[in-house]
């Protein structure tokens, strides 16, 4: 059996590195149910499947796209604020 080049399951610290955030933030995502994970071993260590992380990232892109569509960016007048 050949081992894959990338691990199937990631530790929360690995996920935090990918997302450029803290392990505490990733733990909060998992506990809220925003990011699916499993608990393994007697100490109940959390692991996130790489495909679940990718699905989460895709959902966040879709959410950001909806936000941008619902809240168009309007540039301020280049001459500064209006004074009436």
PDB file of N, CA and C in Angstrom:
ATOM      1  N   UNK A   1       0.840  -1.182   0.000  1.00  0.00           N
ATOM      2  CA  UNK A   1       0.000   0.000   0.000  1.00  0.00           C
ATOM      3  C   UNK A   1       0.884   1.244   0.000  1.00  0.00           C
ATOM      4  N   UNK A   2       0.619   2.138  -0.923  1.00  0.00           N
ATOM      5  CA  UNK A   2       1.403   3.359  -1.044  1.00  0.00           C
ATOM      6  C   UNK A   2       0.759   4.486  -0.244  1.00  0.00           C
ATOM      7  N   UNK A   3       1.550   5.192   0.528  1.00  0.00           N
ATOM      8  CA  UNK A   3       1.043   6.298   1.337  1.00  0.00           C
ATOM      9  C   UNK A   3       0.918   7.552   0.473  1.00  0.00           C
ATOM     10  N   UNK A   4      -0.169   8.307   0.656  1.00  0.00           N
ATOM     11  CA  UNK A   4      -0.315   9.552  -0.111  1.00  0.00           C
ATOM     12  C   UNK A   4       0.746  10.565   0.287  1.00  0.00           C
ATOM     13  N   UNK A   5       1.066  11.488  -0.627  1.00  0.00           N
ATOM     14  CA  UNK A   5       2.099  12.486  -0.336  1.00  0.00           C
ATOM     15  C   UNK A   5       1.640  13.499   0.712  1.00  0.00           C
ATOM     16  N   UNK A   6       0.349  13.792   0.740  1.00  0.00           N
ATOM     17  CA  UNK A   6      -0.198  14.714   1.740  1.00  0.00           C
ATOM     18  C   UNK A   6      -1.048  13.910   2.720  1.00  0.00           C
ATOM     19  N   UNK A   7      -1.006  14.273   4.006  1.00  0.00           N
ATOM     20  CA  UNK A   7      -1.809  13.523   4.970  1.00  0.00           C
ATOM     21  C   UNK A   7      -3.303  13.725   4.736  1.00  0.00           C
ATOM     22  N   UNK A   8      -4.075  12.678   5.010  1.00  0.00           N
ATOM     23  CA  UNK A   8      -5.531  12.768   4.865  1.00  0.00           C
ATOM     24  C   UNK A   8      -6.129  13.641   5.965  1.00  0.00           C
ATOM     25  N   UNK A   9      -5.592  13.499   7.193  1.00  0.00           N
ATOM     26  CA  UNK A   9      -6.113  14.238   8.344  1.00  0.00           C
ATOM     27  C   UNK A   9      -5.065  15.207   8.854  1.00  0.00           C
ATOM     28  N   UNK A  10      -5.546  16.379   9.274  1.00  0.00           N
ATOM     29  CA  UNK A  10      -4.668  17.439   9.756  1.00  0.00           C
ATOM     30  C   UNK A  10      -4.954  17.744  11.216  1.00  0.00           C
ATOM     31  N   UNK A  11      -3.920  18.079  11.957  1.00  0.00           N
ATOM     32  CA  UNK A  11      -4.095  18.565  13.318  1.00  0.00           C
ATOM     33  C   UNK A  11      -4.631  19.998  13.236  1.00  0.00           C
ATOM     34  N   UNK A  12      -5.233  20.458  14.329  1.00  0.00           N
ATOM     35  CA  UNK A  12      -5.762  21.818  14.329  1.00  0.00           C
ATOM     36  C   UNK A  12      -4.659  22.849  14.086  1.00  0.00           C
ATOM     37  N   UNK A  13      -3.467  22.556  14.572  1.00  0.00           N
ATOM     38  CA  UNK A  13      -2.350  23.488  14.337  1.00  0.00           C
ATOM     39  C   UNK A  13      -1.990  23.546  12.857  1.00  0.00           C
ATOM     40  N   UNK A  14      -2.116  22.419  12.142  1.00  0.00           N
ATOM     41  CA  UNK A  14      -1.868  22.411  10.701  1.00  0.00           C
ATOM     42  C   UNK A  14      -2.923  23.240   9.969  1.00  0.00           C
ATOM     43  N   UNK A  15      -4.184  23.089  10.375  1.00  0.00           N
ATOM     44  CA  UNK A  15      -5.278  23.849   9.773  1.00  0.00           C
ATOM     45  C   UNK A  15      -5.062  25.340  10.033  1.00  0.00           C
ATOM     46  N   UNK A  16      -4.645  25.675  11.255  1.00  0.00           N
ATOM     47  CA  UNK A  16      -4.385  27.078  11.596  1.00  0.00           C
ATOM     48  C   UNK A  16      -3.302  27.661  10.699  1.00  0.00           C
ATOM     49  N   UNK A  17      -2.296  26.879  10.397  1.00  0.00           N
ATOM     50  CA  UNK A  17      -1.222  27.349   9.521  1.00  0.00           C
ATOM     51  C   UNK A  17      -1.752  27.596   8.108  1.00  0.00           C
ATOM     52  N   UNK A  18      -2.560  26.682   7.597  1.00  0.00           N
ATOM     53  CA  UNK A  18      -3.130  26.847   6.254  1.00  0.00           C
ATOM     54  C   UNK A  18      -3.987  28.099   6.191  1.00  0.00           C
ATOM     55  N   UNK A  19      -4.808  28.321   7.222  1.00  0.00           N
ATOM     56  CA  UNK A  19      -5.718  29.462   7.245  1.00  0.00           C
ATOM     57  C   UNK A  19      -5.066  30.738   7.764  1.00  0.00           C
ATOM     58  N   UNK A  20      -3.808  30.638   8.194  1.00  0.00           N
ATOM     59  CA  UNK A  20      -3.064  31.771   8.754  1.00  0.00           C
ATOM     60  C   UNK A  20      -3.828  32.397   9.917  1.00  0.00           C
ATOM     61  N   UNK A  21      -4.217  31.548  10.851  1.00  0.00           N
ATOM     62  CA  UNK A  21      -4.926  31.988  12.047  1.00  0.00           C
ATOM     63  C   UNK A  21      -4.397  31.182  13.233  1.00  0.00           C
ATOM     64  N   UNK A  22      -5.019  31.320  14.377  1.00  0.00           N
ATOM     65  CA  UNK A  22      -4.555  30.601  15.566  1.00  0.00           C
ATOM     66  C   UNK A  22      -5.251  29.252  15.709  1.00  0.00           C
ATOM     67  N   UNK A  23      -4.622  28.368  16.460  1.00  0.00           N
ATOM     68  CA  UNK A  23      -5.238  27.073  16.764  1.00  0.00           C
ATOM     69  C   UNK A  23      -6.520  27.274  17.562  1.00  0.00           C
ATOM     70  N   UNK A  24      -6.557  28.282  18.412  1.00  0.00           N
ATOM     71  CA  UNK A  24      -7.763  28.567  19.198  1.00  0.00           C
ATOM     72  C   UNK A  24      -8.924  28.953  18.274  1.00  0.00           C
ATOM     73  N   UNK A  25      -8.641  29.719  17.228  1.00  0.00           N
ATOM     74  CA  UNK A  25      -9.680  30.097  16.283  1.00  0.00           C
ATOM     75  C   UNK A  25     -10.185  28.872  15.527  1.00  0.00           C
ATOM     76  N   UNK A  26      -9.288  27.984  15.129  1.00  0.00           N
ATOM     77  CA  UNK A  26      -9.692  26.756  14.436  1.00  0.00           C
ATOM     78  C   UNK A  26     -10.524  25.887  15.367  1.00  0.00           C
ATOM     79  N   UNK A  27     -10.119  25.780  16.624  1.00  0.00           N
ATOM     80  CA  UNK A  27     -10.887  25.004  17.602  1.00  0.00           C
ATOM     81  C   UNK A  27     -12.307  25.573  17.717  1.00  0.00           C
ATOM     82  N   UNK A  28     -12.426  26.894  17.737  1.00  0.00           N
ATOM     83  CA  UNK A  28     -13.747  27.530  17.812  1.00  0.00           C
ATOM     84  C   UNK A  28     -14.573  27.200  16.570  1.00  0.00           C
ATOM     85  N   UNK A  29     -13.958  27.200  15.401  1.00  0.00           N
ATOM     86  CA  UNK A  29     -14.664  26.830  14.170  1.00  0.00           C
ATOM     87  C   UNK A  29     -15.198  25.402  14.257  1.00  0.00           C
ATOM     88  N   UNK A  30     -14.376  24.512  14.797  1.00  0.00           N
ATOM     89  CA  UNK A  30     -14.777  23.109  14.944  1.00  0.00           C
ATOM     90  C   UNK A  30     -15.907  22.974  15.958  1.00  0.00           C
ATOM     91  N   UNK A  31     -15.769  23.608  17.106  1.00  0.00           N
ATOM     92  CA  UNK A  31     -16.775  23.484  18.173  1.00  0.00           C
ATOM     93  C   UNK A  31     -18.113  24.103  17.786  1.00  0.00           C
ATOM     94  N   UNK A  32     -18.084  25.152  16.955  1.00  0.00           N
ATOM     95  CA  UNK A  32     -19.324  25.761  16.467  1.00  0.00           C
ATOM     96  C   UNK A  32     -19.963  24.950  15.352  1.00  0.00           C
ATOM     97  N   UNK A  33     -19.204  24.020  14.789  1.00  0.00           N
ATOM     98  CA  UNK A  33     -19.721  23.216  13.692  1.00  0.00           C
ATOM     99  C   UNK A  33     -19.494  23.842  12.331  1.00  0.00           C
ATOM    100  N   UNK A  34     -18.727  24.912  12.272  1.00  0.00           N
ATOM    101  CA  UNK A  34     -18.425  25.551  10.997  1.00  0.00           C
ATOM    102  C   UNK A  34     -17.456  24.717  10.164  1.00  0.00           C
ATOM    103  N   UNK A  35     -16.567  24.024  10.833  1.00  0.00           N
ATOM    104  CA  UNK A  35     -15.562  23.185  10.187  1.00  0.00           C
ATOM    105  C   UNK A  35     -15.682  21.778  10.756  1.00  0.00           C
ATOM    106  N   UNK A  36     -16.043  20.816   9.902  1.00  0.00           N
ATOM    107  CA  UNK A  36     -16.223  19.441  10.372  1.00  0.00           C
ATOM    108  C   UNK A  36     -14.892  18.817  10.760  1.00  0.00           C
ATOM    109  N   UNK A  37     -14.910  18.066  11.851  1.00  0.00           N
ATOM    110  CA  UNK A  37     -13.715  17.392  12.344  1.00  0.00           C
ATOM    111  C   UNK A  37     -14.142  16.135  13.097  1.00  0.00           C
ATOM    112  N   UNK A  38     -13.170  15.306  13.391  1.00  0.00           N
ATOM    113  CA  UNK A  38     -13.425  14.102  14.195  1.00  0.00           C
ATOM    114  C   UNK A  38     -12.507  14.116  15.409  1.00  0.00           C
ATOM    115  N   UNK A  39     -12.943  13.407  16.457  1.00  0.00           N
ATOM    116  CA  UNK A  39     -12.108  13.232  17.641  1.00  0.00           C
ATOM    117  C   UNK A  39     -11.554  11.820  17.605  1.00  0.00           C
ATOM    118  N   UNK A  40     -10.267  11.700  17.840  1.00  0.00           N
ATOM    119  CA  UNK A  40      -9.644  10.386  17.833  1.00  0.00           C
ATOM    120  C   UNK A  40      -8.872  10.164  19.123  1.00  0.00           C
ATOM    121  N   UNK A  41      -8.668   8.895  19.439  1.00  0.00           N
ATOM    122  CA  UNK A  41      -7.840   8.532  20.579  1.00  0.00           C
ATOM    123  C   UNK A  41      -8.504   8.771  21.920  1.00  0.00           C
ATOM    124  N   UNK A  42      -7.861   8.252  22.953  1.00  0.00           N
ATOM    125  CA  UNK A  42      -8.371   8.353  24.311  1.00  0.00           C
ATOM    126  C   UNK A  42      -8.440   9.770  24.825  1.00  0.00           C
ATOM    127  N   UNK A  43      -7.566  10.615  24.338  1.00  0.00           N
ATOM    128  CA  UNK A  43      -7.554  12.020  24.776  1.00  0.00           C
ATOM    129  C   UNK A  43      -8.444  12.896  23.912  1.00  0.00           C
ATOM    130  N   UNK A  44      -9.077  12.300  22.911  1.00  0.00           N
ATOM    131  CA  UNK A  44     -10.011  13.044  22.081  1.00  0.00           C
ATOM    132  C   UNK A  44      -9.382  14.173  21.297  1.00  0.00           C
ATOM    133  N   UNK A  45      -8.309  13.890  20.597  1.00  0.00           N
ATOM    134  CA  UNK A  45      -7.652  14.919  19.800  1.00  0.00           C
ATOM    135  C   UNK A  45      -8.442  15.146  18.507  1.00  0.00           C
ATOM    136  N   UNK A  46      -8.597  16.389  18.143  1.00  0.00           N
ATOM    137  CA  UNK A  46      -9.346  16.738  16.943  1.00  0.00           C
ATOM    138  C   UNK A  46      -8.482  16.591  15.709  1.00  0.00           C
ATOM    139  N   UNK A  47      -9.116  16.091  14.627  1.00  0.00           N
ATOM    140  CA  UNK A  47      -8.468  16.009  13.324  1.00  0.00           C
ATOM    141  C   UNK A  47      -9.455  16.479  12.269  1.00  0.00           C
ATOM    142  N   UNK A  48      -8.942  17.210  11.302  1.00  0.00           N
ATOM    143  CA  UNK A  48      -9.757  17.724  10.200  1.00  0.00           C
ATOM    144  C   UNK A  48      -9.283  17.044   8.921  1.00  0.00           C
ATOM    145  N   UNK A  49     -10.223  16.433   8.219  1.00  0.00           N
ATOM    146  CA  UNK A  49      -9.877  15.808   6.951  1.00  0.00           C
ATOM    147  C   UNK A  49      -9.562  16.904   5.936  1.00  0.00           C
ATOM    148  N   UNK A  50      -8.534  16.694   5.131  1.00  0.00           N
ATOM    149  CA  UNK A  50      -8.104  17.708   4.164  1.00  0.00           C
ATOM    150  C   UNK A  50      -9.252  18.110   3.237  1.00  0.00           C
ATOM    151  N   UNK A  51     -10.089  17.157   2.855  1.00  0.00           N
ATOM    152  CA  UNK A  51     -11.219  17.490   1.973  1.00  0.00           C
ATOM    153  C   UNK A  51     -12.238  18.376   2.684  1.00  0.00           C
ATOM    154  N   UNK A  52     -12.397  18.210   3.991  1.00  0.00           N
ATOM    155  CA  UNK A  52     -13.302  19.064   4.770  1.00  0.00           C
ATOM    156  C   UNK A  52     -12.758  20.484   4.856  1.00  0.00           C
ATOM    157  N   UNK A  53     -11.453  20.610   4.997  1.00  0.00           N
ATOM    158  CA  UNK A  53     -10.845  21.938   5.018  1.00  0.00           C
ATOM    159  C   UNK A  53     -11.058  22.634   3.676  1.00  0.00           C
ATOM    160  N   UNK A  54     -10.858  21.921   2.576  1.00  0.00           N
ATOM    161  CA  UNK A  54     -11.070  22.503   1.254  1.00  0.00           C
ATOM    162  C   UNK A  54     -12.533  22.896   1.056  1.00  0.00           C
ATOM    163  N   UNK A  55     -13.465  22.064   1.538  1.00  0.00           N
ATOM    164  CA  UNK A  55     -14.892  22.381   1.426  1.00  0.00           C
ATOM    165  C   UNK A  55     -15.217  23.632   2.240  1.00  0.00           C
ATOM    166  N   UNK A  56     -14.627  23.754   3.428  1.00  0.00           N
ATOM    167  CA  UNK A  56     -14.831  24.939   4.268  1.00  0.00           C
ATOM    168  C   UNK A  56     -14.341  26.195   3.534  1.00  0.00           C
ATOM    169  N   UNK A  57     -13.155  26.100   2.946  1.00  0.00           N
ATOM    170  CA  UNK A  57     -12.594  27.242   2.229  1.00  0.00           C
ATOM    171  C   UNK A  57     -13.516  27.639   1.072  1.00  0.00           C
ATOM    172  N   UNK A  58     -14.025  26.673   0.342  1.00  0.00           N
ATOM    173  CA  UNK A  58     -14.949  26.961  -0.761  1.00  0.00           C
ATOM    174  C   UNK A  58     -16.221  27.639  -0.249  1.00  0.00           C
ATOM    175  N   UNK A  59     -16.755  27.167   0.894  1.00  0.00           N
ATOM    176  CA  UNK A  59     -17.941  27.800   1.481  1.00  0.00           C
ATOM    177  C   UNK A  59     -17.653  29.240   1.869  1.00  0.00           C
ATOM    178  N   UNK A  60     -16.479  29.495   2.404  1.00  0.00           N
ATOM    179  CA  UNK A  60     -16.124  30.855   2.803  1.00  0.00           C
ATOM    180  C   UNK A  60     -15.976  31.767   1.589  1.00  0.00           C
ATOM    181  N   UNK A  61     -15.448  31.240   0.484  1.00  0.00           N
ATOM    182  CA  UNK A  61     -15.385  32.027  -0.753  1.00  0.00           C
ATOM    183  C   UNK A  61     -16.793  32.359  -1.231  1.00  0.00           C
ATOM    184  N   UNK A  62     -17.687  31.375  -1.209  1.00  0.00           N
ATOM    185  CA  UNK A  62     -19.076  31.603  -1.637  1.00  0.00           C
ATOM    186  C   UNK A  62     -19.745  32.635  -0.735  1.00  0.00           C
ATOM    187  N   UNK A  63     -19.487  32.548   0.572  1.00  0.00           N
ATOM    188  CA  UNK A  63     -20.059  33.510   1.514  1.00  0.00           C
ATOM    189  C   UNK A  63     -19.517  34.914   1.245  1.00  0.00           C
ATOM    190  N   UNK A  64     -18.228  35.012   0.969  1.00  0.00           N
ATOM    191  CA  UNK A  64     -17.623  36.312   0.665  1.00  0.00           C
ATOM    192  C   UNK A  64     -18.201  36.873  -0.636  1.00  0.00           C
ATOM    193  N   UNK A  65     -18.403  36.006  -1.633  1.00  0.00           N
ATOM    194  CA  UNK A  65     -18.998  36.451  -2.893  1.00  0.00           C
ATOM    195  C   UNK A  65     -20.400  37.009  -2.671  1.00  0.00           C
ATOM    196  N   UNK A  66     -21.192  36.334  -1.836  1.00  0.00           N
ATOM    197  CA  UNK A  66     -22.542  36.813  -1.535  1.00  0.00           C
ATOM    198  C   UNK A  66     -22.488  38.160  -0.821  1.00  0.00           C
ATOM    199  N   UNK A  67     -21.572  38.293   0.127  1.00  0.00           N
ATOM    200  CA  UNK A  67     -21.426  39.546   0.854  1.00  0.00           C
ATOM    201  C   UNK A  67     -21.087  40.688  -0.096  1.00  0.00           C
ATOM    202  N   UNK A  68     -20.123  40.458  -0.981  1.00  0.00           N
ATOM    203  CA  UNK A  68     -19.710  41.493  -1.927  1.00  0.00           C
ATOM    204  C   UNK A  68     -20.875  41.864  -2.846  1.00  0.00           C
ATOM    205  N   UNK A  69     -21.620  40.868  -3.302  1.00  0.00           N
ATOM    206  CA  UNK A  69     -22.767  41.133  -4.178  1.00  0.00           C
ATOM    207  C   UNK A  69     -23.849  41.927  -3.452  1.00  0.00           C
ATOM    208  N   UNK A  70     -24.048  41.620  -2.177  1.00  0.00           N
ATOM    209  CA  UNK A  70     -25.088  42.300  -1.389  1.00  0.00           C
ATOM    210  C   UNK A  70     -24.653  43.670  -0.869  1.00  0.00           C
ATOM    211  N   UNK A  71     -23.355  43.912  -0.820  1.00  0.00           N
ATOM    212  CA  UNK A  71     -22.820  45.168  -0.281  1.00  0.00           C
ATOM    213  C   UNK A  71     -21.795  45.742  -1.256  1.00  0.00           C
ATOM    214  N   UNK A  72     -22.255  46.324  -2.357  1.00  0.00           N
ATOM    215  CA  UNK A  72     -21.311  46.850  -3.352  1.00  0.00           C
ATOM    216  C   UNK A  72     -20.425  47.937  -2.759  1.00  0.00           C
ATOM    217  N   UNK A  73     -19.205  47.955  -3.203  1.00  0.00           N
ATOM    218  CA  UNK A  73     -18.237  48.955  -2.753  1.00  0.00           C
ATOM    219  C   UNK A  73     -18.496  50.258  -3.485  1.00  0.00           C
ATOM    220  N   UNK A  74     -18.635  51.315  -2.737  1.00  0.00           N
ATOM    221  CA  UNK A  74     -18.862  52.634  -3.316  1.00  0.00           C
ATOM    222  C   UNK A  74     -17.693  53.509  -2.900  1.00  0.00           C
ATOM    223  N   UNK A  75     -16.974  54.003  -3.891  1.00  0.00           N
ATOM    224  CA  UNK A  75     -15.825  54.854  -3.583  1.00  0.00           C
ATOM    225  C   UNK A  75     -16.294  56.232  -3.161  1.00  0.00           C
ATOM    226  N   UNK A  76     -15.602  56.798  -2.200  1.00  0.00           N
ATOM    227  CA  UNK A  76     -15.920  58.146  -1.725  1.00  0.00           C
ATOM    228  C   UNK A  76     -15.521  59.162  -2.786  1.00  0.00           C
ATOM    229  N   UNK A  77     -16.150  60.303  -2.750  1.00  0.00           N
ATOM    230  CA  UNK A  77     -15.816  61.392  -3.651  1.00  0.00           C
ATOM    231  C   UNK A  77     -14.339  61.744  -3.468  1.00  0.00           C
ATOM    232  N   UNK A  78     -13.616  61.859  -4.540  1.00  0.00           N
ATOM    233  CA  UNK A  78     -12.167  62.100  -4.453  1.00  0.00           C
ATOM    234  C   UNK A  78     -11.821  63.466  -3.866  1.00  0.00           C
ATOM    235  N   UNK A  79     -12.792  64.379  -3.807  1.00  0.00           N
ATOM    236  CA  UNK A  79     -12.517  65.711  -3.265  1.00  0.00           C
ATOM    237  C   UNK A  79     -12.734  65.780  -1.761  1.00  0.00           C
ATOM    238  N   UNK A  80     -13.061  64.662  -1.145  1.00  0.00           N
ATOM    239  CA  UNK A  80     -13.274  64.652   0.287  1.00  0.00           C
ATOM    240  C   UNK A  80     -14.748  64.736   0.627  1.00  0.00           C
ATOM    241  N   UNK A  81     -15.060  64.819   1.895  1.00  0.00           N
ATOM    242  CA  UNK A  81     -16.472  64.848   2.322  1.00  0.00           C
ATOM    243  C   UNK A  81     -17.157  66.129   1.902  1.00  0.00           C
ATOM    244  N   UNK A  82     -18.436  65.983   1.614  1.00  0.00           N
ATOM    245  CA  UNK A  82     -19.244  67.155   1.241  1.00  0.00           C
ATOM    246  C   UNK A  82     -19.508  68.028   2.461  1.00  0.00           C
ATOM    247  N   UNK A  83     -19.465  69.299   2.236  1.00  0.00           N
ATOM    248  CA  UNK A  83     -19.803  70.237   3.309  1.00  0.00           C
ATOM    249  C   UNK A  83     -20.986  71.067   2.851  1.00  0.00           C
ATOM    250  N   UNK A  84     -22.115  70.835   3.432  1.00  0.00           N
ATOM    251  CA  UNK A  84     -23.342  71.552   3.049  1.00  0.00           C
ATOM    252  C   UNK A  84     -23.585  72.741   3.923  1.00  0.00           C
TER     253      UNK A  84
END
